[in-house]
């Protein structure tokens, strides 16, 4: 039940013939709703005519039956769910972005965060570009569009654009005749594709979205790879592959991804079970029961229980109609949601020494409230175990940690944090064990900079989520 925020889920479909592709995207976005709950959007391609709808809110709120009917039929479509780490929450910043230019329309979805978006936007604005959003996704769309003016194809334009955009980006791009997937050379964010029995292709942030629409996972898009889907064939462009050490965000396994997903060849569920086992070995506790904080703590709690021999129990009931607490824009709202989102089962924890498993401690306020719920329900001891190391550094690749100011581990020792959140003992996952979570991962490397401070790219100068809003106030009045 982390307070972390991660930007976006992307989805694309290329059908073998004209059909209700919007419904396919709708179900795919439902499967990816955990990746973003601020806004969502769908664009349908009907023989080069793009029809779009997007707005703030959850998928089932934004896409009523009337809006779905307006989208009509087509043979391609894109979809997006957003939590933005660049730009404010409003309809203008919702994705996909649709661009109409002399070479034809293009739609684009983005998961990630550029480290050079401020510099690129300055350059584009000085050359006359007019921006309608405050997200870095529009920067990517402008760079691709600019390259398309001289490139022989949309995929070549994207390939050239990848020489200029830096940082984290998993993209799905749609032209009048092609669906294209691309992943940054570091592979910070996941991206995969699959096939349906009818021969259609699906691209998604996670394999759980493929399952939701009846597609079979073919493989992950490799770091730096561009995959082009046309009717009846698939092509791979690997010009940007192998230039840097891959560095998938390891927090995908700890928290972001759904446990039923397979990310870069590794089961998310198994990675979390393994995290729990590591904690049991290195952070043991004398206790009567092991429980997890829904949802990302449950698999790890199973692993801890198996390894330790302490019985596993269901200690909390989660209200499934409340979104993840990280979506709440303010701390007071987050705390209110904790109160109505989780309810302890008193008969399970009363009179027990409890091992409580969660994915992270960021500010500590949510953890403190969860521990308080257990105390109120009658737990005699609470031993808190965390499936991540302490957060000590900001993230520049799509996780909304832009400062050390609110990271509790930057200002307090482990024992002090234990006192603050009210637990009898506190143990974190070792940094070395983080790299052992996803056994079988073929990418070959992870980004753990939020724990270690070792960044795989240069650190950007401008990092605030609202950095493009600041640009307006920084200008002189006469401008």
Protein backbone atom coordinates (compact mmCIF):
# COMPACT_ATOMS: atom_id res chain seq x y z
CA UNK A 1 0.00 0.00 0.00
CA UNK A 2 2.73 2.36 -1.05
CA UNK A 3 2.45 6.10 -1.52
CA UNK A 4 4.55 5.87 -4.66
CA UNK A 5 3.22 6.84 -8.05
CA UNK A 6 4.21 5.41 -11.36
CA UNK A 7 3.37 6.79 -14.74
CA UNK A 8 0.99 5.06 -17.05
CA UNK A 9 -0.01 1.95 -18.86
CA UNK A 10 -0.06 1.69 -22.65
CA UNK A 11 -2.07 -0.60 -24.93
CA UNK A 12 -2.41 -1.09 -28.66
CA UNK A 13 -4.26 -3.45 -30.99
CA UNK A 14 -3.95 -4.28 -34.69
CA UNK A 15 -6.88 -6.41 -35.80
CA UNK A 16 -6.94 -8.56 -38.98
CA UNK A 17 -10.08 -6.78 -40.17
CA UNK A 18 -12.40 -3.92 -39.29
CA UNK A 19 -14.13 -4.63 -35.99
CA UNK A 20 -14.91 -3.23 -32.54
CA UNK A 21 -11.28 -2.60 -31.58
CA UNK A 22 -12.35 0.00 -29.01
CA UNK A 23 -13.82 -2.73 -26.81
CA UNK A 24 -10.55 -4.65 -26.94
CA UNK A 25 -8.69 -1.57 -25.75
CA UNK A 26 -11.32 -0.94 -23.07
CA UNK A 27 -10.74 -4.38 -21.52
CA UNK A 28 -6.99 -4.01 -21.87
CA UNK A 29 -7.06 -0.70 -20.02
CA UNK A 30 -9.12 -2.26 -17.25
CA UNK A 31 -6.30 -4.76 -16.76
CA UNK A 32 -3.79 -1.89 -16.60
CA UNK A 33 -5.86 0.42 -14.39
CA UNK A 34 -3.44 -0.14 -11.49
CA UNK A 35 -0.75 1.72 -13.45
CA UNK A 36 -2.68 4.99 -13.58
CA UNK A 37 -6.01 6.29 -12.35
CA UNK A 38 -5.84 10.01 -13.12
CA UNK A 39 -7.02 9.88 -16.72
CA UNK A 40 -7.42 7.57 -19.69
CA UNK A 41 -8.04 7.64 -23.41
CA UNK A 42 -8.67 5.59 -26.55
CA UNK A 43 -8.01 6.41 -30.22
CA UNK A 44 -9.55 4.27 -32.98
CA UNK A 45 -8.10 4.14 -36.50
CA UNK A 46 -10.67 3.43 -39.23
CA UNK A 47 -8.77 3.40 -42.54
CA UNK A 48 -6.72 6.44 -41.56
CA UNK A 49 -9.54 8.35 -39.84
CA UNK A 50 -8.71 8.75 -36.15
CA UNK A 51 -11.51 9.06 -33.58
CA UNK A 52 -10.51 9.78 -29.99
CA UNK A 53 -11.97 10.21 -26.55
CA UNK A 54 -10.07 10.92 -23.35
CA UNK A 55 -10.75 12.51 -19.99
CA UNK A 56 -9.81 12.48 -16.34
CA UNK A 57 -11.11 9.56 -14.29
CA UNK A 58 -11.20 5.78 -14.28
CA UNK A 59 -11.79 3.67 -17.38
CA UNK A 60 -15.37 2.71 -16.51
CA UNK A 61 -16.22 6.36 -15.73
CA UNK A 62 -14.68 7.90 -18.83
CA UNK A 63 -15.89 5.30 -21.32
CA UNK A 64 -19.64 5.11 -21.02
CA UNK A 65 -21.62 3.05 -23.53
CA UNK A 66 -22.41 6.26 -25.42
CA UNK A 67 -18.74 7.23 -25.72
CA UNK A 68 -17.77 3.72 -26.79
CA UNK A 69 -20.38 3.83 -29.53
CA UNK A 70 -19.00 7.15 -30.77
CA UNK A 71 -15.54 5.62 -31.18
CA UNK A 72 -16.96 3.28 -33.79
CA UNK A 73 -15.08 0.47 -35.51
CA UNK A 74 -11.64 0.20 -37.06
CA UNK A 75 -8.70 -2.11 -37.50
CA UNK A 76 -6.30 -0.40 -35.06
CA UNK A 77 -6.56 1.41 -31.74
CA UNK A 78 -4.46 2.77 -28.88
CA UNK A 79 -5.30 3.17 -25.21
CA UNK A 80 -3.67 4.76 -22.19
CA UNK A 81 -4.14 5.05 -18.43
CA UNK A 82 -2.20 7.82 -16.75
CA UNK A 83 -0.61 8.91 -13.58
CA UNK A 84 1.56 11.79 -14.73
CA UNK A 85 5.02 12.44 -13.38
CA UNK A 86 5.31 15.42 -15.71
CA UNK A 87 2.42 17.85 -16.06
CA UNK A 88 -0.73 18.54 -14.07
CA UNK A 89 -3.83 16.38 -13.92
CA UNK A 90 -6.27 17.64 -16.53
CA UNK A 91 -7.98 16.53 -19.72
CA UNK A 92 -5.37 18.20 -21.93
CA UNK A 93 -2.61 16.03 -20.46
CA UNK A 94 -4.58 12.81 -20.92
CA UNK A 95 -3.30 10.42 -23.58
CA UNK A 96 -3.11 9.20 -26.31
CA UNK A 97 -1.85 12.29 -28.06
CA UNK A 98 -3.06 12.72 -31.65
CA UNK A 99 -1.01 14.77 -34.11
CA UNK A 100 -2.22 15.78 -37.56
CA UNK A 101 0.53 16.86 -39.95
CA UNK A 102 1.44 16.90 -43.62
CA UNK A 103 2.51 13.23 -43.64
CA UNK A 104 -0.75 12.09 -42.06
CA UNK A 105 -2.10 11.59 -38.54
CA UNK A 106 -0.18 9.93 -35.72
CA UNK A 107 -1.31 8.82 -32.26
CA UNK A 108 1.09 8.15 -29.42
CA UNK A 109 1.03 6.69 -25.90
CA UNK A 110 3.95 6.98 -23.48
CA UNK A 111 4.95 5.36 -20.21
CA UNK A 112 8.03 6.82 -18.58
CA UNK A 113 9.76 10.13 -18.07
CA UNK A 114 12.33 11.94 -20.21
CA UNK A 115 15.40 13.40 -18.54
CA UNK A 116 15.95 15.99 -21.30
CA UNK A 117 12.36 17.07 -21.91
CA UNK A 118 12.93 20.60 -20.61
CA UNK A 119 15.82 21.24 -22.97
CA UNK A 120 13.97 19.71 -25.93
CA UNK A 121 10.87 21.74 -25.26
CA UNK A 122 12.88 24.95 -25.01
CA UNK A 123 14.46 24.19 -28.39
CA UNK A 124 11.11 23.37 -29.99
CA UNK A 125 9.39 26.47 -28.61
CA UNK A 126 12.23 28.69 -29.79
CA UNK A 127 11.72 27.22 -33.26
CA UNK A 128 8.02 28.05 -33.26
CA UNK A 129 6.37 24.94 -31.86
CA UNK A 130 3.18 25.60 -29.89
CA UNK A 131 2.45 23.23 -27.02
CA UNK A 132 -1.06 22.37 -25.86
CA UNK A 133 -0.11 20.24 -22.85
CA UNK A 134 2.43 20.31 -20.05
CA UNK A 135 3.52 16.67 -20.37
CA UNK A 136 6.76 15.37 -21.84
CA UNK A 137 4.75 13.07 -24.12
CA UNK A 138 3.95 16.03 -26.37
CA UNK A 139 7.68 16.69 -26.64
CA UNK A 140 8.16 13.15 -27.96
CA UNK A 141 5.33 13.61 -30.47
CA UNK A 142 6.91 16.82 -31.79
CA UNK A 143 10.34 15.23 -32.17
CA UNK A 144 8.89 12.27 -34.11
CA UNK A 145 6.75 14.56 -36.27
CA UNK A 146 9.72 16.77 -37.07
CA UNK A 147 11.79 13.77 -38.12
CA UNK A 148 8.88 12.42 -40.19
CA UNK A 149 9.11 15.40 -42.53
CA UNK A 150 12.32 13.97 -44.01
CA UNK A 151 12.15 10.30 -43.02
CA UNK A 152 10.84 7.74 -45.53
CA UNK A 153 8.57 6.06 -42.94
CA UNK A 154 7.08 6.57 -39.51
CA UNK A 155 9.31 3.88 -38.03
CA UNK A 156 12.42 5.57 -39.42
CA UNK A 157 11.23 8.87 -37.93
CA UNK A 158 10.84 7.16 -34.57
CA UNK A 159 14.27 5.59 -34.90
CA UNK A 160 15.80 9.01 -35.54
CA UNK A 161 13.83 10.54 -32.67
CA UNK A 162 15.30 7.97 -30.30
CA UNK A 163 18.69 9.58 -30.93
CA UNK A 164 17.36 12.72 -29.30
CA UNK A 165 14.98 11.71 -26.51
CA UNK A 166 16.73 10.50 -23.36
CA UNK A 167 15.40 8.71 -20.32
CA UNK A 168 12.54 6.28 -19.80
CA UNK A 169 9.98 5.67 -22.51
CA UNK A 170 7.88 2.72 -23.54
CA UNK A 171 5.88 3.92 -26.54
CA UNK A 172 3.02 2.70 -28.69
CA UNK A 173 2.63 4.70 -31.90
CA UNK A 174 -0.13 4.42 -34.50
CA UNK A 175 -0.01 5.70 -38.08
CA UNK A 176 -2.79 5.23 -40.65
CA UNK A 177 -1.37 1.79 -41.58
CA UNK A 178 1.03 0.67 -38.82
CA UNK A 179 1.15 -0.07 -35.12
CA UNK A 180 4.61 0.46 -33.61
CA UNK A 181 6.06 -0.38 -30.20
CA UNK A 182 9.32 1.08 -28.92
CA UNK A 183 11.29 0.83 -25.69
CA UNK A 184 14.17 3.03 -24.55
CA UNK A 185 17.68 1.49 -24.69
CA UNK A 186 17.77 1.11 -20.90
CA UNK A 187 14.42 -0.67 -20.83
CA UNK A 188 13.32 1.24 -17.73
CA UNK A 189 9.62 0.43 -18.18
CA UNK A 190 8.08 -2.86 -19.35
CA UNK A 191 6.54 -3.45 -22.77
CA UNK A 192 5.45 -6.67 -24.42
CA UNK A 193 3.36 -7.96 -27.30
CA UNK A 194 1.20 -10.95 -28.05
CA UNK A 195 -1.12 -12.50 -30.63
CA UNK A 196 -4.79 -13.37 -30.58
CA UNK A 197 -6.20 -16.53 -32.19
CA UNK A 198 -7.61 -14.44 -35.06
CA UNK A 199 -4.10 -13.23 -35.97
CA UNK A 200 -4.42 -9.81 -34.38
CA UNK A 201 -1.52 -8.24 -32.49
CA UNK A 202 -1.63 -6.69 -29.02
CA UNK A 203 0.98 -4.42 -27.42
CA UNK A 204 0.78 -3.68 -23.70
CA UNK A 205 2.74 -2.50 -20.70
CA UNK A 206 2.12 -5.82 -18.95
CA UNK A 207 1.23 -9.35 -19.98
CA UNK A 208 -1.86 -9.32 -17.73
CA UNK A 209 -3.48 -7.03 -20.30
CA UNK A 210 -2.80 -9.59 -23.02
CA UNK A 211 -4.53 -12.23 -20.93
CA UNK A 212 -7.53 -9.94 -20.47
CA UNK A 213 -8.19 -9.79 -24.22
CA UNK A 214 -7.44 -13.40 -25.08
CA UNK A 215 -3.94 -12.85 -26.47
CA UNK A 216 -0.93 -15.08 -25.91
CA UNK A 217 2.35 -13.48 -24.89
CA UNK A 218 4.91 -13.68 -27.70
CA UNK A 219 7.75 -11.82 -25.99
CA UNK A 220 8.88 -8.59 -24.41
CA UNK A 221 10.03 -5.70 -26.54
CA UNK A 222 13.78 -5.61 -25.94
CA UNK A 223 15.45 -2.47 -24.59
CA UNK A 224 16.15 -0.16 -27.54
CA UNK A 225 13.98 -2.18 -29.92
CA UNK A 226 11.33 -0.88 -32.32
CA UNK A 227 8.71 -3.45 -33.36
CA UNK A 228 6.55 -2.63 -36.40
CA UNK A 229 3.21 -4.39 -36.84
CA UNK A 230 1.59 -4.33 -40.23
CA UNK A 231 -1.20 -6.47 -41.53
CA UNK A 232 0.21 -9.98 -41.67
CA UNK A 233 3.79 -9.30 -40.59
CA UNK A 234 6.05 -8.09 -37.80
CA UNK A 235 9.42 -6.37 -38.22
CA UNK A 236 12.08 -5.56 -35.65
CA UNK A 237 14.47 -2.59 -35.81
CA UNK A 238 17.38 -3.03 -33.42
CA UNK A 239 19.57 -0.02 -34.21
CA UNK A 240 19.37 1.20 -30.60
CA UNK A 241 19.71 -2.18 -28.91
CA UNK A 242 22.80 -3.07 -26.91
CA UNK A 243 24.21 0.44 -26.65
CA UNK A 244 23.86 0.63 -22.87
CA UNK A 245 23.42 -1.81 -20.02
CA UNK A 246 19.69 -2.55 -19.62
CA UNK A 247 18.23 -1.19 -16.39
CA UNK A 248 14.61 -2.20 -15.84
CA UNK A 249 13.08 -0.46 -12.82
CA UNK A 250 13.25 -3.15 -10.15
CA UNK A 251 10.24 -1.63 -8.42
CA UNK A 252 8.11 -3.08 -11.22
CA UNK A 253 8.58 -6.43 -9.47
CA UNK A 254 8.17 -5.05 -5.95
CA UNK A 255 5.07 -2.92 -6.47
CA UNK A 256 4.04 -1.50 -9.84
CA UNK A 257 3.22 -4.55 -11.94
CA UNK A 258 0.31 -6.87 -11.30
CA UNK A 259 1.34 -10.19 -9.73
CA UNK A 260 -0.14 -12.17 -12.61
CA UNK A 261 2.13 -10.41 -15.11
CA UNK A 262 5.40 -11.68 -16.55
CA UNK A 263 7.91 -8.85 -16.96
CA UNK A 264 11.08 -9.42 -18.99
CA UNK A 265 10.72 -13.17 -18.64
CA UNK A 266 10.13 -13.26 -14.88
CA UNK A 267 6.92 -13.85 -12.94
CA UNK A 268 6.03 -10.88 -10.76
CA UNK A 269 4.28 -13.18 -8.29
CA UNK A 270 7.35 -15.37 -7.91
CA UNK A 271 9.59 -12.31 -7.49
CA UNK A 272 7.47 -11.10 -4.59
CA UNK A 273 7.32 -14.53 -2.97
CA UNK A 274 11.11 -14.62 -3.24
CA UNK A 275 11.35 -11.18 -1.59
CA UNK A 276 9.36 -12.47 1.35
CA UNK A 277 11.62 -15.49 1.68
CA UNK A 278 14.73 -13.27 1.69
CA UNK A 279 13.19 -11.17 4.45
CA UNK A 280 12.42 -14.26 6.54
CA UNK A 281 16.06 -15.37 6.26
CA UNK A 282 17.66 -12.02 7.05
CA UNK A 283 14.97 -10.26 9.08
CA UNK A 284 13.42 -13.02 11.22
CA UNK A 285 10.85 -12.36 13.93
CA UNK A 286 9.27 -14.31 16.78
CA UNK A 287 5.62 -14.15 15.81
CA UNK A 288 2.34 -16.05 15.60
CA UNK A 289 1.10 -15.01 12.17
CA UNK A 290 2.28 -13.38 8.92
CA UNK A 291 -0.05 -11.03 7.05
CA UNK A 292 0.40 -8.83 4.01
CA UNK A 293 -0.90 -5.38 3.17
CA UNK A 294 -3.16 -5.76 0.11
CA UNK A 295 -2.31 -6.06 -2.65
CA UNK A 296 1.44 -5.98 -3.27
CA UNK A 297 2.32 -7.29 0.20
CA UNK A 298 0.28 -10.49 -0.07
CA UNK A 299 2.62 -12.53 -2.28
CA UNK A 300 5.63 -11.56 -0.19
CA UNK A 301 3.78 -12.51 2.98
CA UNK A 302 3.26 -15.98 1.53
CA UNK A 303 7.00 -16.20 0.87
CA UNK A 304 7.86 -15.05 4.38
CA UNK A 305 5.46 -17.57 5.92
CA UNK A 306 6.78 -20.47 3.85
CA UNK A 307 10.39 -19.69 4.65
CA UNK A 308 9.87 -18.96 8.35
CA UNK A 309 7.29 -21.60 9.15
CA UNK A 310 5.05 -18.98 10.76
CA UNK A 311 1.42 -19.43 9.65
CA UNK A 312 0.11 -17.15 6.92
CA UNK A 313 -3.16 -15.36 7.55
CA UNK A 314 -5.50 -12.88 5.90
CA UNK A 315 -5.31 -9.91 8.24
CA UNK A 316 -6.96 -7.17 6.19
CA UNK A 317 -10.04 -6.87 4.04
CA UNK A 318 -9.63 -4.38 1.23
CA UNK A 319 -12.43 -2.26 -0.18
CA UNK A 320 -12.04 -3.04 -3.89
CA UNK A 321 -13.90 0.11 -4.92
CA UNK A 322 -11.23 2.48 -3.61
CA UNK A 323 -8.30 3.31 -5.86
CA UNK A 324 -4.67 2.94 -4.87
CA UNK A 325 -3.68 5.48 -2.23
CA UNK A 326 -0.91 6.85 -4.44
CA UNK A 327 -3.55 8.45 -6.69
CA UNK A 328 -4.72 10.80 -3.94
CA UNK A 329 -3.20 14.22 -4.64
CA UNK A 330 -2.82 15.32 -1.02
CA UNK A 331 -1.63 13.72 2.20
CA UNK A 332 -4.94 14.30 4.03
CA UNK A 333 -6.82 12.55 1.23
CA UNK A 334 -4.36 9.64 1.34
CA UNK A 335 -4.93 9.21 5.07
CA UNK A 336 -8.71 9.34 4.68
CA UNK A 337 -8.56 6.65 2.03
CA UNK A 338 -6.47 4.38 4.25
CA UNK A 339 -9.23 4.55 6.84
CA UNK A 340 -11.95 3.36 4.45
CA UNK A 341 -9.81 1.18 2.19
CA UNK A 342 -8.48 -1.36 4.73
CA UNK A 343 -10.17 -3.02 7.66
CA UNK A 344 -8.34 -5.52 9.87
CA UNK A 345 -9.94 -8.86 10.73
CA UNK A 346 -9.83 -8.64 14.50
CA UNK A 347 -10.36 -12.36 15.07
CA UNK A 348 -7.20 -13.08 13.05
CA UNK A 349 -4.84 -10.65 14.78
CA UNK A 350 -6.29 -10.27 18.29
CA UNK A 351 -3.79 -11.41 20.91
CA UNK A 352 -1.21 -12.27 18.22
CA UNK A 353 2.35 -11.26 17.48
CA UNK A 354 2.05 -10.16 13.87
CA UNK A 355 4.61 -9.96 11.05
CA UNK A 356 3.27 -7.29 8.70
CA UNK A 357 4.63 -7.28 5.12
CA UNK A 358 4.40 -4.24 2.83
CA UNK A 359 6.20 -3.10 -0.29
CA UNK A 360 7.75 0.16 0.93
CA UNK A 361 7.82 2.99 3.42
CA UNK A 362 7.98 6.41 1.77
CA UNK A 363 6.81 9.14 4.14
CA UNK A 364 5.77 6.78 6.92
CA UNK A 365 2.34 8.28 7.51
CA UNK A 366 0.39 5.54 5.72
CA UNK A 367 2.45 2.82 7.41
CA UNK A 368 1.80 4.37 10.81
CA UNK A 369 -1.94 4.36 10.20
CA UNK A 370 -1.95 0.71 9.06
CA UNK A 371 0.00 -0.31 12.15
CA UNK A 372 -2.51 1.63 14.25
CA UNK A 373 -5.35 -0.37 12.72
CA UNK A 374 -3.67 -3.60 13.82
CA UNK A 375 -3.04 -2.29 17.32
CA UNK A 376 -6.67 -1.22 17.62
CA UNK A 377 -7.74 -4.69 16.47
CA UNK A 378 -5.81 -6.28 19.34
CA UNK A 379 -2.40 -7.24 17.93
CA UNK A 380 0.07 -7.53 20.82
CA UNK A 381 3.17 -6.99 18.68
CA UNK A 382 3.73 -5.76 15.13
CA UNK A 383 6.96 -6.61 13.31
CA UNK A 384 7.10 -4.65 10.06
CA UNK A 385 9.00 -6.14 7.11
CA UNK A 386 9.47 -4.23 3.86
CA UNK A 387 10.09 -5.88 0.47
CA UNK A 388 12.27 -2.97 -0.68
CA UNK A 389 15.37 -1.27 0.73
CA UNK A 390 14.95 2.22 2.21
CA UNK A 391 14.12 4.94 -0.33
CA UNK A 392 16.99 7.42 -0.22
CA UNK A 393 17.05 9.12 -3.63
CA UNK A 394 14.71 10.72 -6.17
CA UNK A 395 13.69 8.91 -9.36
CA UNK A 396 13.91 10.54 -12.80
CA UNK A 397 12.43 7.71 -14.86
CA UNK A 398 8.72 7.71 -14.15
CA UNK A 399 8.29 7.12 -10.41
CA UNK A 400 7.02 10.20 -8.63
CA UNK A 401 9.88 10.73 -6.17
CA UNK A 402 11.36 14.07 -7.22
CA UNK A 403 12.96 15.04 -3.91
CA UNK A 404 14.59 13.64 -0.77
CA UNK A 405 12.58 16.05 1.38
CA UNK A 406 9.69 13.69 2.14
CA UNK A 407 11.58 10.39 2.25
CA UNK A 408 11.53 9.29 5.86
CA UNK A 409 14.65 7.12 5.48
CA UNK A 410 16.67 10.21 4.52
CA UNK A 411 16.07 11.80 7.88
CA UNK A 412 15.77 8.93 10.36
CA UNK A 413 17.51 5.68 11.27
CA UNK A 414 15.73 2.35 11.06
CA UNK A 415 15.12 2.30 14.81
CA UNK A 416 13.78 5.86 14.69
CA UNK A 417 11.42 4.94 11.85
CA UNK A 418 10.22 1.95 13.87
CA UNK A 419 9.36 4.30 16.73
CA UNK A 420 7.65 6.79 14.42
CA UNK A 421 5.35 4.21 12.80
CA UNK A 422 4.80 2.39 16.07
CA UNK A 423 6.20 -1.10 15.45
CA UNK A 424 8.16 -3.47 17.67
CA UNK A 425 10.76 -4.12 14.99
CA UNK A 426 11.45 -3.02 11.42
CA UNK A 427 13.40 -4.77 8.69
CA UNK A 428 14.07 -3.88 5.06
CA UNK A 429 15.09 -6.04 2.11
CA UNK A 430 18.85 -5.98 1.49
CA UNK A 431 19.93 -4.11 -1.62
CA UNK A 432 21.90 -7.16 -2.78
CA UNK A 433 18.75 -9.30 -2.63
CA UNK A 434 16.84 -6.85 -4.84
CA UNK A 435 18.91 -8.03 -7.79
CA UNK A 436 17.95 -11.65 -7.10
CA UNK A 437 14.19 -11.15 -7.12
CA UNK A 438 13.47 -11.73 -10.79
CA UNK A 439 15.30 -14.98 -11.38
CA UNK A 440 15.35 -15.68 -15.13
CA UNK A 441 15.17 -12.04 -16.21
CA UNK A 442 16.81 -11.88 -19.63
CA UNK A 443 17.31 -8.10 -19.69
CA UNK A 444 20.51 -8.35 -17.73
CA UNK A 445 20.24 -5.41 -15.36
CA UNK A 446 18.09 -3.25 -13.12
CA UNK A 447 17.77 0.34 -12.04
CA UNK A 448 17.96 0.58 -8.24
CA UNK A 449 18.95 4.26 -8.08
CA UNK A 450 16.12 5.15 -5.69
CA UNK A 451 17.85 2.86 -3.18
CA UNK A 452 21.54 3.06 -4.16
CA UNK A 453 21.91 6.48 -5.78
CA UNK A 454 23.63 4.87 -8.79
CA UNK A 455 21.84 6.35 -11.79
CA UNK A 456 22.18 4.69 -15.21
CA UNK A 457 21.87 8.07 -16.99
CA UNK A 458 22.97 11.64 -16.29
CA UNK A 459 20.84 13.37 -13.66
CA UNK A 460 18.58 16.05 -15.18
CA UNK A 461 18.64 19.64 -14.01
CA UNK A 462 14.88 20.15 -13.98
CA UNK A 463 12.94 17.47 -12.12
CA UNK A 464 9.72 18.92 -10.66
CA UNK A 465 6.51 17.40 -11.99
CA UNK A 466 5.21 20.90 -12.81
CA UNK A 467 8.40 22.07 -14.51
CA UNK A 468 6.57 23.11 -17.67
CA UNK A 469 4.10 25.16 -15.64
CA UNK A 470 7.10 26.96 -14.13
CA UNK A 471 8.28 27.98 -17.59
CA UNK A 472 5.41 30.47 -17.86
CA UNK A 473 6.21 32.28 -14.62
CA UNK A 474 9.91 32.40 -15.42
CA UNK A 475 9.38 34.51 -18.52
CA UNK A 476 9.67 38.28 -18.41
CA UNK A 477 6.36 40.22 -18.53
CA UNK A 478 7.16 41.70 -21.93
CA UNK A 479 7.47 38.22 -23.38
